[in-house]
Protein backbone atom coordinates (compact mmCIF):
# COMPACT_ATOMS: atom_id res chain seq x y z
CA MET A 1 119.80 135.76 148.71
CA PRO A 2 118.87 136.40 152.37
CA ARG A 3 117.77 139.83 153.90
CA ILE A 4 119.85 140.75 156.84
CA PRO A 5 117.97 142.27 159.72
CA PRO A 6 117.33 146.03 159.96
CA THR A 7 120.37 146.29 162.86
CA ALA A 8 122.78 144.70 160.02
CA ARG A 9 121.40 146.64 157.89
CA LYS A 10 122.06 149.73 159.29
CA GLY A 11 125.55 148.96 160.24
CA LEU A 12 126.27 147.86 156.44
CA LEU A 13 124.99 151.44 155.75
CA THR A 14 127.11 153.06 158.18
CA LEU A 15 130.22 151.05 156.91
CA HIS A 16 129.66 151.83 153.44
CA LEU A 17 129.25 155.62 154.22
CA VAL A 18 132.33 156.04 156.10
CA THR A 19 134.30 154.35 153.75
CA SER A 20 132.86 156.21 150.82
CA LEU A 21 133.47 159.59 152.65
CA GLY A 22 137.16 158.37 153.33
CA TRP A 23 137.79 157.72 149.23
CA LEU A 24 135.82 160.87 148.83
CA GLY A 25 138.09 162.84 151.33
CA THR A 26 141.23 161.05 149.92
CA ASP A 27 140.39 162.47 146.57
CA LEU A 28 140.40 165.83 147.56
CA VAL A 29 143.27 165.50 149.23
CA LEU A 30 145.31 164.10 146.17
CA LEU A 31 143.19 166.88 144.35
CA THR A 32 144.72 169.39 146.77
CA LEU A 33 148.25 167.63 146.39
CA GLY A 34 148.28 168.10 142.16
CA ILE A 35 146.63 171.44 142.42
CA ALA A 36 149.80 172.61 144.56
CA VAL A 37 152.22 171.33 142.23
CA GLN A 38 150.71 173.35 139.50
CA ARG A 39 150.78 176.52 141.64
CA GLY A 40 154.56 175.91 142.51
CA ALA A 41 154.84 173.82 145.19
CA ASP A 42 157.76 171.41 145.21
CA PRO A 43 156.93 168.13 143.73
CA ALA A 44 159.83 166.49 145.36
CA VAL A 45 158.46 167.16 148.62
CA PHE A 46 154.28 167.12 147.18
CA TYR A 47 154.52 163.54 144.94
CA PRO A 48 155.77 161.05 147.44
CA VAL A 49 153.10 161.64 150.10
CA GLY A 50 150.65 161.85 147.18
CA ALA A 51 152.08 158.23 146.19
CA VAL A 52 152.02 157.35 149.94
CA VAL A 53 147.99 158.51 150.22
CA GLY A 54 147.11 156.89 147.15
CA THR A 55 148.57 153.84 147.88
CA VAL A 56 147.93 153.26 151.36
CA LEU A 57 144.58 154.85 151.36
CA PHE A 58 142.90 155.39 148.62
CA ALA A 59 143.78 152.13 146.74
CA PRO A 60 142.28 150.24 149.91
CA LEU A 61 139.46 152.15 150.41
CA SER A 62 138.06 152.10 146.53
CA VAL A 63 138.14 148.47 146.70
CA LEU A 64 136.34 148.32 150.18
CA VAL A 65 133.59 150.51 148.95
CA TRP A 66 132.82 148.24 146.07
CA LEU A 67 133.03 145.21 148.47
CA ILE A 68 130.29 146.76 151.12
CA GLY A 69 128.33 148.45 147.93
CA VAL A 70 127.55 145.11 146.57
CA ALA A 71 127.33 143.46 149.79
CA SER A 72 124.88 146.01 150.49
CA ALA A 73 122.95 145.79 147.46
CA LEU A 74 122.98 141.48 147.86
CA LEU A 75 121.92 141.89 151.38
CA THR A 76 119.19 144.63 151.29
CA PRO A 77 116.28 144.67 149.34
CA TRP A 78 117.77 147.17 146.69
CA GLY A 79 119.34 144.10 144.94
CA LEU A 80 122.20 144.30 143.05
CA LEU A 81 120.24 144.52 139.64
CA ARG A 82 116.71 145.26 140.45
CA TYR A 83 116.89 149.08 140.51
CA ARG A 84 118.66 151.65 137.57
CA TRP A 85 120.51 153.99 140.09
CA VAL A 86 121.98 150.83 141.84
CA LEU A 87 123.27 149.59 138.62
CA VAL A 88 124.63 152.99 137.50
CA LYS A 89 125.99 152.96 140.78
CA LEU A 90 127.84 149.54 140.79
CA VAL A 91 129.17 150.66 137.40
CA LEU A 92 130.62 154.21 138.05
CA THR A 93 132.07 152.52 140.95
CA THR A 94 133.79 149.45 139.09
CA VAL A 95 134.90 151.56 136.32
CA MET A 96 136.48 153.92 139.17
CA VAL A 97 138.08 151.18 141.26
CA GLY A 98 139.27 150.18 137.87
CA LEU A 99 140.96 153.50 137.19
CA VAL A 100 142.28 153.98 140.42
CA LEU A 101 144.31 150.33 140.66
CA PHE A 102 145.12 150.21 137.21
CA LEU A 103 145.92 153.55 136.63
CA LEU A 104 146.26 156.28 139.41
CA THR A 105 147.79 154.33 141.89
CA PRO A 106 150.83 153.21 139.51
CA ASN A 107 150.93 156.84 138.38
CA LEU A 108 151.15 158.28 141.47
CA ARG A 109 154.18 155.74 142.63
CA HIS A 110 155.91 156.99 139.70
CA ALA A 111 155.30 160.23 140.29
CA GLY A 112 156.75 159.78 143.72
CA ALA A 113 159.81 158.49 142.74
CA LEU A 114 160.57 160.76 139.57
CA GLY A 115 159.49 164.04 141.92
CA ALA A 116 160.31 167.18 139.88
CA ALA A 117 161.93 165.25 137.22
CA LEU A 118 157.95 164.52 136.37
CA PRO A 119 157.41 165.86 132.79
CA ALA A 120 154.64 168.54 132.94
CA ARG A 121 152.44 166.43 130.76
CA ASP A 122 152.21 164.12 133.57
CA ARG A 123 151.69 166.31 136.17
CA ALA A 124 148.34 167.28 134.52
CA ASP A 125 147.04 163.77 135.05
CA LEU A 126 147.48 163.88 138.40
CA VAL A 127 144.99 166.91 138.58
CA ILE A 128 142.76 165.55 136.05
CA ALA A 129 141.97 162.51 137.49
CA PRO A 130 141.19 163.23 141.13
CA ALA A 131 138.83 166.03 139.33
CA VAL A 132 137.17 163.47 137.53
CA SER A 133 136.90 160.75 140.50
CA THR A 134 135.56 163.63 142.65
CA SER A 135 133.08 164.45 140.37
CA LEU A 136 131.59 161.11 139.81
CA MET A 137 131.77 160.20 143.68
CA ILE A 138 129.50 163.21 143.96
CA ILE A 139 127.00 161.69 141.28
CA ALA A 140 127.19 158.57 142.98
CA THR A 141 126.06 160.21 146.23
CA VAL A 142 123.30 162.03 144.45
CA LEU A 143 122.05 158.50 142.96
CA SER A 144 122.26 157.34 146.66
CA THR A 145 120.32 160.26 147.98
CA TYR A 146 117.86 160.55 145.32
CA LYS A 147 116.99 157.24 143.84
CA PRO A 148 116.12 158.35 140.67
CA TRP A 149 114.36 156.19 137.73
CA GLY A 150 112.51 153.73 140.21
CA ARG A 151 112.74 149.57 139.28
CA ARG A 152 114.18 148.27 135.98
CA PRO A 153 111.32 146.41 134.03
CA VAL A 154 110.84 142.76 134.63
CA THR A 155 111.88 141.16 131.12
CA ARG A 156 110.38 137.65 132.38
CA PRO A 157 107.05 137.04 130.37
CA THR A 158 104.39 135.24 132.32
CA THR A 159 102.15 132.90 130.99
CA ALA A 160 99.09 135.25 130.89
CA ASN A 161 101.48 137.95 129.56
CA SER A 162 102.61 135.67 126.49
CA THR A 163 99.06 134.48 125.86
CA ARG A 164 97.87 137.99 125.63
CA ALA A 165 100.39 139.09 123.25
CA ALA A 166 99.76 136.37 120.92
CA LEU A 167 96.40 137.38 120.93
CA ASP A 168 96.85 140.97 120.37
CA GLN A 169 98.93 140.19 117.53
CA ALA A 170 96.53 137.57 115.95
CA ALA A 171 94.07 140.13 116.57
CA THR A 172 95.57 142.75 114.44
CA THR A 173 97.24 140.71 111.81
CA THR A 174 94.52 141.01 108.67
CA PRO A 175 93.89 137.75 106.85
CA PRO A 176 95.34 137.90 102.86
CA GLY A 177 92.22 138.47 100.79
């Protein structure tokens, strides 16, 4: 995959940061709305707002963050599978995007339509989901900042390594006798 010039790389990184911060901010708004209803705010007012925020901002931002992150990984020296921290972020973000698109967004729309008629057990989900998502976003941020674990090991054996491994195995095998 071709690498991009440093200015384009910085632009891509800036775009990734801005969309990620937007996703985190939207997540915190949804968490705040869910907590407000738990604390007595009118669900007929707050849940429709949550549905709009989830549909118009949260879902599109989550997809943008994922797409820009994959593009950044592929077009920069980090690579998509070269470093463990990038791979962990990819898995976390992919799972979060899936949950946002196929679970949280439909639940937000459902809550927006029902308002005060939403059962109490479903109301808790509208607090738990953004709380978990916020936590995972913070973990992804820590991974990006500290870049733990280093490079993933290369699994392709070279001819010299294969020959050396065969010689080492032959030397440790004792002949029957």
